[in-house]
Amino acid sequence: GVGGSSMAWFRQAPGGEREGVARINIDGTTKYAEF
């Protein structure tokens, strides 16, 4: 489940490419796109 896996949010604007927004690692650390 969410407590035992890495998960992320992506987004895609109309006409744009899918881009990573944020990630949470298994250890709970978080990573974000600069924007």
Full PDB file with SEQRES, HELIX, SHEET, SSBOND, CRYST1, ORIGX, SCALE, CONECT and MASTER records, all heavy atoms in Angstrom:
SEQRES   1 A   35  GLY VAL GLY GLY SER SER MET ALA TRP PHE ARG GLN ALA          
SEQRES   2 A   35  PRO GLY GLY GLU ARG GLU GLY VAL ALA ARG ILE ASN ILE          
SEQRES   3 A   35  ASP GLY THR THR LYS TYR ALA GLU PHE                          
HELIX    1 AA1 VAL A    2  GLY A    4  5                                   3    
SHEET    1 AA1 3 MET A   7  ARG A  11  0                                        
SHEET    2 AA1 3 GLU A  19  ILE A  24 -1                                        
SHEET    3 AA1 3 THR A  30  TYR A  32 -1                                        
CRYST1    1.000    1.000    1.000  90.00  90.00  90.00 P 1           1          
ORIGX1      1.000000  0.000000  0.000000        0.00000                         
ORIGX2      0.000000  1.000000  0.000000        0.00000                         
ORIGX3      0.000000  0.000000  1.000000        0.00000                         
SCALE1      1.000000  0.000000  0.000000        0.00000                         
SCALE2      0.000000  1.000000  0.000000        0.00000                         
SCALE3      0.000000  0.000000  1.000000        0.00000                         
ATOM      1  N   GLY A   1       0.817  -1.188   0.000  1.00  0.00           N  
ATOM      2  CA  GLY A   1       0.000   0.000   0.000  1.00  0.00           C  
ATOM      3  C   GLY A   1       0.861   1.253   0.000  1.00  0.00           C  
ATOM      4  O   GLY A   1       2.071   1.205  -0.215  1.00  0.00           O  
ATOM      5  N   VAL A   2       0.243   2.379   0.272  1.00  0.00           N  
ATOM      6  CA  VAL A   2       0.972   3.646   0.187  1.00  0.00           C  
ATOM      7  C   VAL A   2       2.092   3.740   1.208  1.00  0.00           C  
ATOM      8  O   VAL A   2       3.052   4.491   1.013  1.00  0.00           O  
ATOM      9  CB  VAL A   2       0.017   4.849   0.335  1.00  0.00           C  
ATOM     10  CG1 VAL A   2      -0.996   4.864  -0.802  1.00  0.00           C  
ATOM     11  CG2 VAL A   2      -0.689   4.834   1.694  1.00  0.00           C  
ATOM     12  N   GLY A   3       1.991   3.002   2.297  1.00  0.00           N  
ATOM     13  CA  GLY A   3       3.037   3.037   3.304  1.00  0.00           C  
ATOM     14  C   GLY A   3       4.266   2.224   2.958  1.00  0.00           C  
ATOM     15  O   GLY A   3       5.321   2.393   3.584  1.00  0.00           O  
ATOM     16  N   GLY A   4       4.165   1.359   1.975  1.00  0.00           N  
ATOM     17  CA  GLY A   4       5.260   0.479   1.626  1.00  0.00           C  
ATOM     18  C   GLY A   4       5.701   0.555   0.183  1.00  0.00           C  
ATOM     19  O   GLY A   4       6.302  -0.394  -0.329  1.00  0.00           O  
ATOM     20  N   SER A   5       5.416   1.644  -0.470  1.00  0.00           N  
ATOM     21  CA  SER A   5       5.828   1.828  -1.846  1.00  0.00           C  
ATOM     22  C   SER A   5       6.120   3.291  -2.111  1.00  0.00           C  
ATOM     23  O   SER A   5       5.636   4.171  -1.390  1.00  0.00           O  
ATOM     24  CB  SER A   5       4.744   1.335  -2.814  1.00  0.00           C  
ATOM     25  OG  SER A   5       3.582   2.130  -2.692  1.00  0.00           O  
ATOM     26  N   SER A   6       6.911   3.542  -3.135  1.00  0.00           N  
ATOM     27  CA  SER A   6       7.106   4.912  -3.602  1.00  0.00           C  
ATOM     28  C   SER A   6       5.943   5.290  -4.506  1.00  0.00           C  
ATOM     29  O   SER A   6       5.489   4.491  -5.324  1.00  0.00           O  
ATOM     30  CB  SER A   6       8.428   5.036  -4.354  1.00  0.00           C  
ATOM     31  OG  SER A   6       9.523   4.799  -3.497  1.00  0.00           O  
ATOM     32  N   MET A   7       5.464   6.500  -4.349  1.00  0.00           N  
ATOM     33  CA  MET A   7       4.379   6.986  -5.167  1.00  0.00           C  
ATOM     34  C   MET A   7       4.679   8.406  -5.613  1.00  0.00           C  
ATOM     35  O   MET A   7       5.559   9.073  -5.063  1.00  0.00           O  
ATOM     36  CB  MET A   7       3.047   6.933  -4.414  1.00  0.00           C  
ATOM     37  CG  MET A   7       2.610   5.521  -4.055  1.00  0.00           C  
ATOM     38  SD  MET A   7       0.919   5.435  -3.413  1.00  0.00           S  
ATOM     39  CE  MET A   7      -0.021   5.832  -4.907  1.00  0.00           C  
ATOM     40  N   ALA A   8       3.930   8.864  -6.611  1.00  0.00           N  
ATOM     41  CA  ALA A   8       4.213  10.168  -7.190  1.00  0.00           C  
ATOM     42  C   ALA A   8       2.955  10.773  -7.781  1.00  0.00           C  
ATOM     43  O   ALA A   8       1.938  10.096  -7.983  1.00  0.00           O  
ATOM     44  CB  ALA A   8       5.291  10.051  -8.269  1.00  0.00           C  
ATOM     45  N   TRP A   9       3.051  12.057  -8.040  1.00  0.00           N  
ATOM     46  CA  TRP A   9       2.050  12.793  -8.799  1.00  0.00           C  
ATOM     47  C   TRP A   9       2.707  13.329 -10.066  1.00  0.00           C  
ATOM     48  O   TRP A   9       3.804  13.903 -10.009  1.00  0.00           O  
ATOM     49  CB  TRP A   9       1.464  13.953  -7.999  1.00  0.00           C  
ATOM     50  CG  TRP A   9       0.619  13.531  -6.839  1.00  0.00           C  
ATOM     51  CD1 TRP A   9       1.005  13.371  -5.549  1.00  0.00           C  
ATOM     52  CD2 TRP A   9      -0.779  13.229  -6.876  1.00  0.00           C  
ATOM     53  NE1 TRP A   9      -0.051  12.985  -4.772  1.00  0.00           N  
ATOM     54  CE2 TRP A   9      -1.169  12.884  -5.559  1.00  0.00           C  
ATOM     55  CE3 TRP A   9      -1.739  13.212  -7.892  1.00  0.00           C  
ATOM     56  CZ2 TRP A   9      -2.473  12.531  -5.225  1.00  0.00           C  
ATOM     57  CZ3 TRP A   9      -3.038  12.858  -7.566  1.00  0.00           C  
ATOM     58  CH2 TRP A   9      -3.396  12.520  -6.253  1.00  0.00           C  
ATOM     59  N   PHE A  10       2.027  13.137 -11.179  1.00  0.00           N  
ATOM     60  CA  PHE A  10       2.419  13.708 -12.455  1.00  0.00           C  
ATOM     61  C   PHE A  10       1.303  14.608 -12.954  1.00  0.00           C  
ATOM     62  O   PHE A  10       0.164  14.524 -12.477  1.00  0.00           O  
ATOM     63  CB  PHE A  10       2.689  12.609 -13.492  1.00  0.00           C  
ATOM     64  CG  PHE A  10       3.991  11.881 -13.303  1.00  0.00           C  
ATOM     65  CD1 PHE A  10       4.144  10.949 -12.289  1.00  0.00           C  
ATOM     66  CD2 PHE A  10       5.061  12.118 -14.153  1.00  0.00           C  
ATOM     67  CE1 PHE A  10       5.342  10.267 -12.120  1.00  0.00           C  
ATOM     68  CE2 PHE A  10       6.265  11.444 -13.995  1.00  0.00           C  
ATOM     69  CZ  PHE A  10       6.404  10.521 -12.982  1.00  0.00           C  
ATOM     70  N   ARG A  11       1.606  15.448 -13.936  1.00  0.00           N  
ATOM     71  CA  ARG A  11       0.569  16.264 -14.546  1.00  0.00           C  
ATOM     72  C   ARG A  11       0.864  16.462 -16.025  1.00  0.00           C  
ATOM     73  O   ARG A  11       2.012  16.365 -16.464  1.00  0.00           O  
ATOM     74  CB  ARG A  11       0.434  17.617 -13.845  1.00  0.00           C  
ATOM     75  CG  ARG A  11       1.578  18.587 -14.105  1.00  0.00           C  
ATOM     76  CD  ARG A  11       1.404  19.828 -13.258  1.00  0.00           C  
ATOM     77  NE  ARG A  11       2.354  20.874 -13.608  1.00  0.00           N  
ATOM     78  CZ  ARG A  11       2.500  22.005 -12.933  1.00  0.00           C  
ATOM     79  NH1 ARG A  11       1.738  22.247 -11.856  1.00  0.00           N  
ATOM     80  NH2 ARG A  11       3.389  22.903 -13.329  1.00  0.00           N  
ATOM     81  N   GLN A  12      -0.194  16.745 -16.770  1.00  0.00           N  
ATOM     82  CA  GLN A  12      -0.066  16.973 -18.196  1.00  0.00           C  
ATOM     83  C   GLN A  12      -1.043  18.060 -18.611  1.00  0.00           C  
ATOM     84  O   GLN A  12      -2.258  17.900 -18.486  1.00  0.00           O  
ATOM     85  CB  GLN A  12      -0.328  15.696 -18.991  1.00  0.00           C  
ATOM     86  CG  GLN A  12      -0.064  15.830 -20.476  1.00  0.00           C  
ATOM     87  CD  GLN A  12      -0.069  14.490 -21.188  1.00  0.00           C  
ATOM     88  OE1 GLN A  12      -0.583  13.505 -20.668  1.00  0.00           O  
ATOM     89  NE2 GLN A  12       0.506  14.448 -22.371  1.00  0.00           N  
ATOM     90  N   ALA A  13      -0.509  19.173 -19.095  1.00  0.00           N  
ATOM     91  CA  ALA A  13      -1.326  20.267 -19.590  1.00  0.00           C  
ATOM     92  C   ALA A  13      -1.734  19.984 -21.030  1.00  0.00           C  
ATOM     93  O   ALA A  13      -1.059  19.220 -21.735  1.00  0.00           O  
ATOM     94  CB  ALA A  13      -0.559  21.581 -19.505  1.00  0.00           C  
ATOM     95  N   PRO A  14      -2.825  20.597 -21.487  1.00  0.00           N  
ATOM     96  CA  PRO A  14      -3.232  20.406 -22.882  1.00  0.00           C  
ATOM     97  C   PRO A  14      -2.105  20.758 -23.839  1.00  0.00           C  
ATOM     98  O   PRO A  14      -1.537  21.849 -23.764  1.00  0.00           O  
ATOM     99  CB  PRO A  14      -4.421  21.356 -23.036  1.00  0.00           C  
ATOM    100  CG  PRO A  14      -4.973  21.485 -21.653  1.00  0.00           C  
ATOM    101  CD  PRO A  14      -3.770  21.463 -20.758  1.00  0.00           C  
ATOM    102  N   GLY A  15      -1.772  19.842 -24.716  1.00  0.00           N  
ATOM    103  CA  GLY A  15      -0.705  20.064 -25.670  1.00  0.00           C  
ATOM    104  C   GLY A  15       0.690  19.945 -25.101  1.00  0.00           C  
ATOM    105  O   GLY A  15       1.668  20.141 -25.837  1.00  0.00           O  
ATOM    106  N   GLY A  16       0.802  19.641 -23.826  1.00  0.00           N  
ATOM    107  CA  GLY A  16       2.095  19.543 -23.187  1.00  0.00           C  
ATOM    108  C   GLY A  16       2.512  18.114 -22.912  1.00  0.00           C  
ATOM    109  O   GLY A  16       1.788  17.166 -23.196  1.00  0.00           O  
ATOM    110  N   GLU A  17       3.699  17.976 -22.355  1.00  0.00           N  
ATOM    111  CA  GLU A  17       4.224  16.670 -21.995  1.00  0.00           C  
ATOM    112  C   GLU A  17       3.899  16.354 -20.541  1.00  0.00           C  
ATOM    113  O   GLU A  17       3.743  17.246 -19.708  1.00  0.00           O  
ATOM    114  CB  GLU A  17       5.738  16.632 -22.200  1.00  0.00           C  
ATOM    115  CG  GLU A  17       6.175  16.873 -23.630  1.00  0.00           C  
ATOM    116  CD  GLU A  17       7.678  16.841 -23.787  1.00  0.00           C  
ATOM    117  OE1 GLU A  17       8.386  16.799 -22.764  1.00  0.00           O  
ATOM    118  OE2 GLU A  17       8.146  16.848 -24.940  1.00  0.00           O  
ATOM    119  N   ARG A  18       3.806  15.075 -20.239  1.00  0.00           N  
ATOM    120  CA  ARG A  18       3.588  14.671 -18.865  1.00  0.00           C  
ATOM    121  C   ARG A  18       4.864  14.918 -18.067  1.00  0.00           C  
ATOM    122  O   ARG A  18       5.958  14.541 -18.495  1.00  0.00           O  
ATOM    123  CB  ARG A  18       3.189  13.200 -18.793  1.00  0.00           C  
ATOM    124  CG  ARG A  18       2.780  12.746 -17.396  1.00  0.00           C  
ATOM    125  CD  ARG A  18       2.096  11.385 -17.417  1.00  0.00           C  
ATOM    126  NE  ARG A  18       0.846  11.429 -18.169  1.00  0.00           N  
ATOM    127  CZ  ARG A  18      -0.011  10.425 -18.235  1.00  0.00           C  
ATOM    128  NH1 ARG A  18       0.232   9.286 -17.593  1.00  0.00           N  
ATOM    129  NH2 ARG A  18      -1.118  10.548 -18.955  1.00  0.00           N  
ATOM    130  N   GLU A  19       4.716  15.560 -16.930  1.00  0.00           N  
ATOM    131  CA  GLU A  19       5.866  15.924 -16.125  1.00  0.00           C  
ATOM    132  C   GLU A  19       5.663  15.528 -14.674  1.00  0.00           C  
ATOM    133  O   GLU A  19       4.556  15.582 -14.142  1.00  0.00           O  
ATOM    134  CB  GLU A  19       6.143  17.426 -16.230  1.00  0.00           C  
ATOM    135  CG  GLU A  19       4.981  18.304 -15.811  1.00  0.00           C  
ATOM    136  CD  GLU A  19       5.217  19.768 -16.081  1.00  0.00           C  
ATOM    137  OE1 GLU A  19       6.301  20.134 -16.564  1.00  0.00           O  
ATOM    138  OE2 GLU A  19       4.302  20.577 -15.800  1.00  0.00           O  
ATOM    139  N   GLY A  20       6.750  15.143 -14.039  1.00  0.00           N  
ATOM    140  CA  GLY A  20       6.701  14.776 -12.641  1.00  0.00           C  
ATOM    141  C   GLY A  20       6.500  15.992 -11.762  1.00  0.00           C  
ATOM    142  O   GLY A  20       7.117  17.037 -11.977  1.00  0.00           O  
ATOM    143  N   VAL A  21       5.657  15.856 -10.758  1.00  0.00           N  
ATOM    144  CA  VAL A  21       5.341  16.937  -9.842  1.00  0.00           C  
ATOM    145  C   VAL A  21       5.951  16.701  -8.466  1.00  0.00           C  
ATOM    146  O   VAL A  21       6.618  17.572  -7.907  1.00  0.00           O  
ATOM    147  CB  VAL A  21       3.821  17.122  -9.717  1.00  0.00           C  
ATOM    148  CG1 VAL A  21       3.483  18.161  -8.653  1.00  0.00           C  
ATOM    149  CG2 VAL A  21       3.221  17.511 -11.060  1.00  0.00           C  
ATOM    150  N   ALA A  22       5.719  15.526  -7.904  1.00  0.00           N  
ATOM    151  CA  ALA A  22       6.189  15.233  -6.558  1.00  0.00           C  
ATOM    152  C   ALA A  22       6.278  13.729  -6.370  1.00  0.00           C  
ATOM    153  O   ALA A  22       5.548  12.965  -7.001  1.00  0.00           O  
ATOM    154  CB  ALA A  22       5.257  15.834  -5.505  1.00  0.00           C  
ATOM    155  N   ARG A  23       7.165  13.319  -5.481  1.00  0.00           N  
ATOM    156  CA  ARG A  23       7.368  11.900  -5.183  1.00  0.00           C  
ATOM    157  C   ARG A  23       7.543  11.729  -3.682  1.00  0.00           C  
ATOM    158  O   ARG A  23       8.135  12.583  -3.020  1.00  0.00           O  
ATOM    159  CB  ARG A  23       8.606  11.366  -5.900  1.00  0.00           C  
ATOM    160  CG  ARG A  23       9.022   9.947  -5.508  1.00  0.00           C  
ATOM    161  CD  ARG A  23      10.370   9.586  -6.120  1.00  0.00           C  
ATOM    162  NE  ARG A  23      10.882   8.303  -5.650  1.00  0.00           N  
ATOM    163  CZ  ARG A  23      10.757   7.152  -6.302  1.00  0.00           C  
ATOM    164  NH1 ARG A  23      10.141   7.108  -7.483  1.00  0.00           N  
ATOM    165  NH2 ARG A  23      11.266   6.033  -5.794  1.00  0.00           N  
ATOM    166  N   ILE A  24       7.051  10.623  -3.163  1.00  0.00           N  
ATOM    167  CA  ILE A  24       7.348  10.243  -1.795  1.00  0.00           C  
ATOM    168  C   ILE A  24       7.986   8.867  -1.827  1.00  0.00           C  
ATOM    169  O   ILE A  24       7.427   7.914  -2.377  1.00  0.00           O  
ATOM    170  CB  ILE A  24       6.094  10.295  -0.891  1.00  0.00           C  
ATOM    171  CG1 ILE A  24       6.478   9.990   0.558  1.00  0.00           C  
ATOM    172  CG2 ILE A  24       4.993   9.373  -1.380  1.00  0.00           C  
ATOM    173  CD1 ILE A  24       5.399  10.385   1.555  1.00  0.00           C  
ATOM    174  N   ASN A  25       9.206   8.768  -1.279  1.00  0.00           N  
ATOM    175  CA  ASN A  25       9.931   7.511  -1.238  1.00  0.00           C  
ATOM    176  C   ASN A  25       9.372   6.618  -0.136  1.00  0.00           C  
ATOM    177  O   ASN A  25       8.588   7.046   0.712  1.00  0.00           O  
ATOM    178  CB  ASN A  25      11.417   7.758  -1.007  1.00  0.00           C  
ATOM    179  CG  ASN A  25      12.142   8.274  -2.227  1.00  0.00           C  
ATOM    180  OD1 ASN A  25      12.159   7.624  -3.270  1.00  0.00           O  
ATOM    181  ND2 ASN A  25      12.764   9.446  -2.098  1.00  0.00           N  
ATOM    182  N   ILE A  26       9.820   5.365  -0.148  1.00  0.00           N  
ATOM    183  CA  ILE A  26       9.378   4.405   0.865  1.00  0.00           C  
ATOM    184  C   ILE A  26       9.721   4.887   2.270  1.00  0.00           C  
ATOM    185  O   ILE A  26       8.944   4.682   3.212  1.00  0.00           O  
ATOM    186  CB  ILE A  26       9.993   3.026   0.596  1.00  0.00           C  
ATOM    187  CG1 ILE A  26       9.407   2.428  -0.685  1.00  0.00           C  
ATOM    188  CG2 ILE A  26       9.756   2.084   1.773  1.00  0.00           C  
ATOM    189  CD1 ILE A  26      10.063   1.133  -1.111  1.00  0.00           C  
ATOM    190  N   ASP A  27      10.866   5.559   2.418  1.00  0.00           N  
ATOM    191  CA  ASP A  27      11.281   6.032   3.733  1.00  0.00           C  
ATOM    192  C   ASP A  27      10.589   7.323   4.146  1.00  0.00           C  
ATOM    193  O   ASP A  27      10.878   7.869   5.214  1.00  0.00           O  
ATOM    194  CB  ASP A  27      12.793   6.197   3.804  1.00  0.00           C  
ATOM    195  CG  ASP A  27      13.330   7.291   2.895  1.00  0.00           C  
ATOM    196  OD1 ASP A  27      12.549   7.897   2.146  1.00  0.00           O  
ATOM    197  OD2 ASP A  27      14.553   7.536   2.941  1.00  0.00           O  
ATOM    198  N   GLY A  28       9.687   7.834   3.317  1.00  0.00           N  
ATOM    199  CA  GLY A  28       8.927   9.024   3.639  1.00  0.00           C  
ATOM    200  C   GLY A  28       9.523  10.325   3.159  1.00  0.00           C  
ATOM    201  O   GLY A  28       8.880  11.376   3.282  1.00  0.00           O  
ATOM    202  N   THR A  29      10.736  10.301   2.630  1.00  0.00           N  
ATOM    203  CA  THR A  29      11.313  11.521   2.089  1.00  0.00           C  
ATOM    204  C   THR A  29      10.555  11.945   0.845  1.00  0.00           C  
ATOM    205  O   THR A  29      10.038  11.112   0.096  1.00  0.00           O  
ATOM    206  CB  THR A  29      12.800  11.343   1.764  1.00  0.00           C  
ATOM    207  OG1 THR A  29      12.962  10.249   0.846  1.00  0.00           O  
ATOM    208  CG2 THR A  29      13.587  11.045   3.032  1.00  0.00           C  
ATOM    209  N   THR A  30      10.487  13.233   0.623  1.00  0.00           N  
ATOM    210  CA  THR A  30       9.714  13.781  -0.483  1.00  0.00           C  
ATOM    211  C   THR A  30      10.598  14.551  -1.443  1.00  0.00           C  
ATOM    212  O   THR A  30      11.586  15.178  -1.040  1.00  0.00           O  
ATOM    213  CB  THR A  30       8.588  14.687   0.028  1.00  0.00           C  
ATOM    214  OG1 THR A  30       9.149  15.719   0.847  1.00  0.00           O  
ATOM    215  CG2 THR A  30       7.599  13.885   0.874  1.00  0.00           C  
ATOM    216  N   LYS A  31      10.214  14.513  -2.715  1.00  0.00           N  
ATOM    217  CA  LYS A  31      10.953  15.185  -3.776  1.00  0.00           C  
ATOM    218  C   LYS A  31       9.966  15.958  -4.628  1.00  0.00           C  
ATOM    219  O   LYS A  31       8.870  15.472  -4.928  1.00  0.00           O  
ATOM    220  CB  LYS A  31      11.718  14.165  -4.634  1.00  0.00           C  
ATOM    221  CG  LYS A  31      12.593  13.199  -3.829  1.00  0.00           C  
ATOM    222  CD  LYS A  31      13.671  13.931  -3.057  1.00  0.00           C  
ATOM    223  CE  LYS A  31      14.443  12.983  -2.153  1.00  0.00           C  
ATOM    224  NZ  LYS A  31      15.484  13.711  -1.375  1.00  0.00           N  
ATOM    225  N   TYR A  32      10.369  17.154  -5.043  1.00  0.00           N  
ATOM    226  CA  TYR A  32       9.474  18.031  -5.780  1.00  0.00           C  
ATOM    227  C   TYR A  32      10.135  18.588  -7.022  1.00  0.00           C  
ATOM    228  O   TYR A  32      11.340  18.870  -7.039  1.00  0.00           O  
ATOM    229  CB  TYR A  32       9.030  19.203  -4.909  1.00  0.00           C  
ATOM    230  CG  TYR A  32       8.235  18.791  -3.700  1.00  0.00           C  
ATOM    231  CD1 TYR A  32       8.857  18.597  -2.474  1.00  0.00           C  
ATOM    232  CD2 TYR A  32       6.862  18.594  -3.783  1.00  0.00           C  
ATOM    233  CE1 TYR A  32       8.134  18.213  -1.356  1.00  0.00           C  
ATOM    234  CE2 TYR A  32       6.130  18.208  -2.671  1.00  0.00           C  
ATOM    235  CZ  TYR A  32       6.768  18.020  -1.468  1.00  0.00           C  
ATOM    236  OH  TYR A  32       6.044  17.642  -0.360  1.00  0.00           O  
ATOM    237  N   ALA A  33       9.328  18.767  -8.055  1.00  0.00           N  
ATOM    238  CA  ALA A  33       9.768  19.550  -9.191  1.00  0.00           C  
ATOM    239  C   ALA A  33       9.941  20.997  -8.746  1.00  0.00           C  
ATOM    240  O   ALA A  33       9.205  21.490  -7.884  1.00  0.00           O  
ATOM    241  CB  ALA A  33       8.749  19.466 -10.329  1.00  0.00           C  
ATOM    242  N   GLU A  34      10.900  21.681  -9.340  1.00  0.00           N  
ATOM    243  CA  GLU A  34      11.199  23.036  -8.923  1.00  0.00           C  
ATOM    244  C   GLU A  34      10.001  23.969  -9.083  1.00  0.00           C  
ATOM    245  O   GLU A  34       9.817  24.890  -8.280  1.00  0.00           O  
ATOM    246  CB  GLU A  34      12.399  23.580  -9.703  1.00  0.00           C  
ATOM    247  CG  GLU A  34      12.939  24.890  -9.159  1.00  0.00           C  
ATOM    248  CD  GLU A  34      13.452  24.762  -7.739  1.00  0.00           C  
ATOM    249  OE1 GLU A  34      13.985  23.698  -7.384  1.00  0.00           O  
ATOM    250  OE2 GLU A  34      13.302  25.742  -6.972  1.00  0.00           O  
ATOM    251  N   PHE A  35       9.175  23.720 -10.070  1.00  0.00           N  
ATOM    252  CA  PHE A  35       8.076  24.640 -10.337  1.00  0.00           C  
ATOM    253  C   PHE A  35       6.938  24.553  -9.324  1.00  0.00           C  
ATOM    254  O   PHE A  35       6.022  25.385  -9.356  1.00  0.00           O  
ATOM    255  CB  PHE A  35       7.543  24.453 -11.770  1.00  0.00           C  
ATOM    256  CG  PHE A  35       7.168  23.043 -12.138  1.00  0.00           C  
ATOM    257  CD1 PHE A  35       5.957  22.508 -11.766  1.00  0.00           C  
ATOM    258  CD2 PHE A  35       8.041  22.263 -12.885  1.00  0.00           C  
ATOM    259  CE1 PHE A  35       5.605  21.215 -12.119  1.00  0.00           C  
ATOM    260  CE2 PHE A  35       7.708  20.966 -13.246  1.00  0.00           C  
ATOM    261  CZ  PHE A  35       6.487  20.442 -12.853  1.00  0.00           C  
TER     262      PHE A  35                                                      
MASTER        0    0    0    1    3    0    0    6  261    1    0    3          
END                                                                             
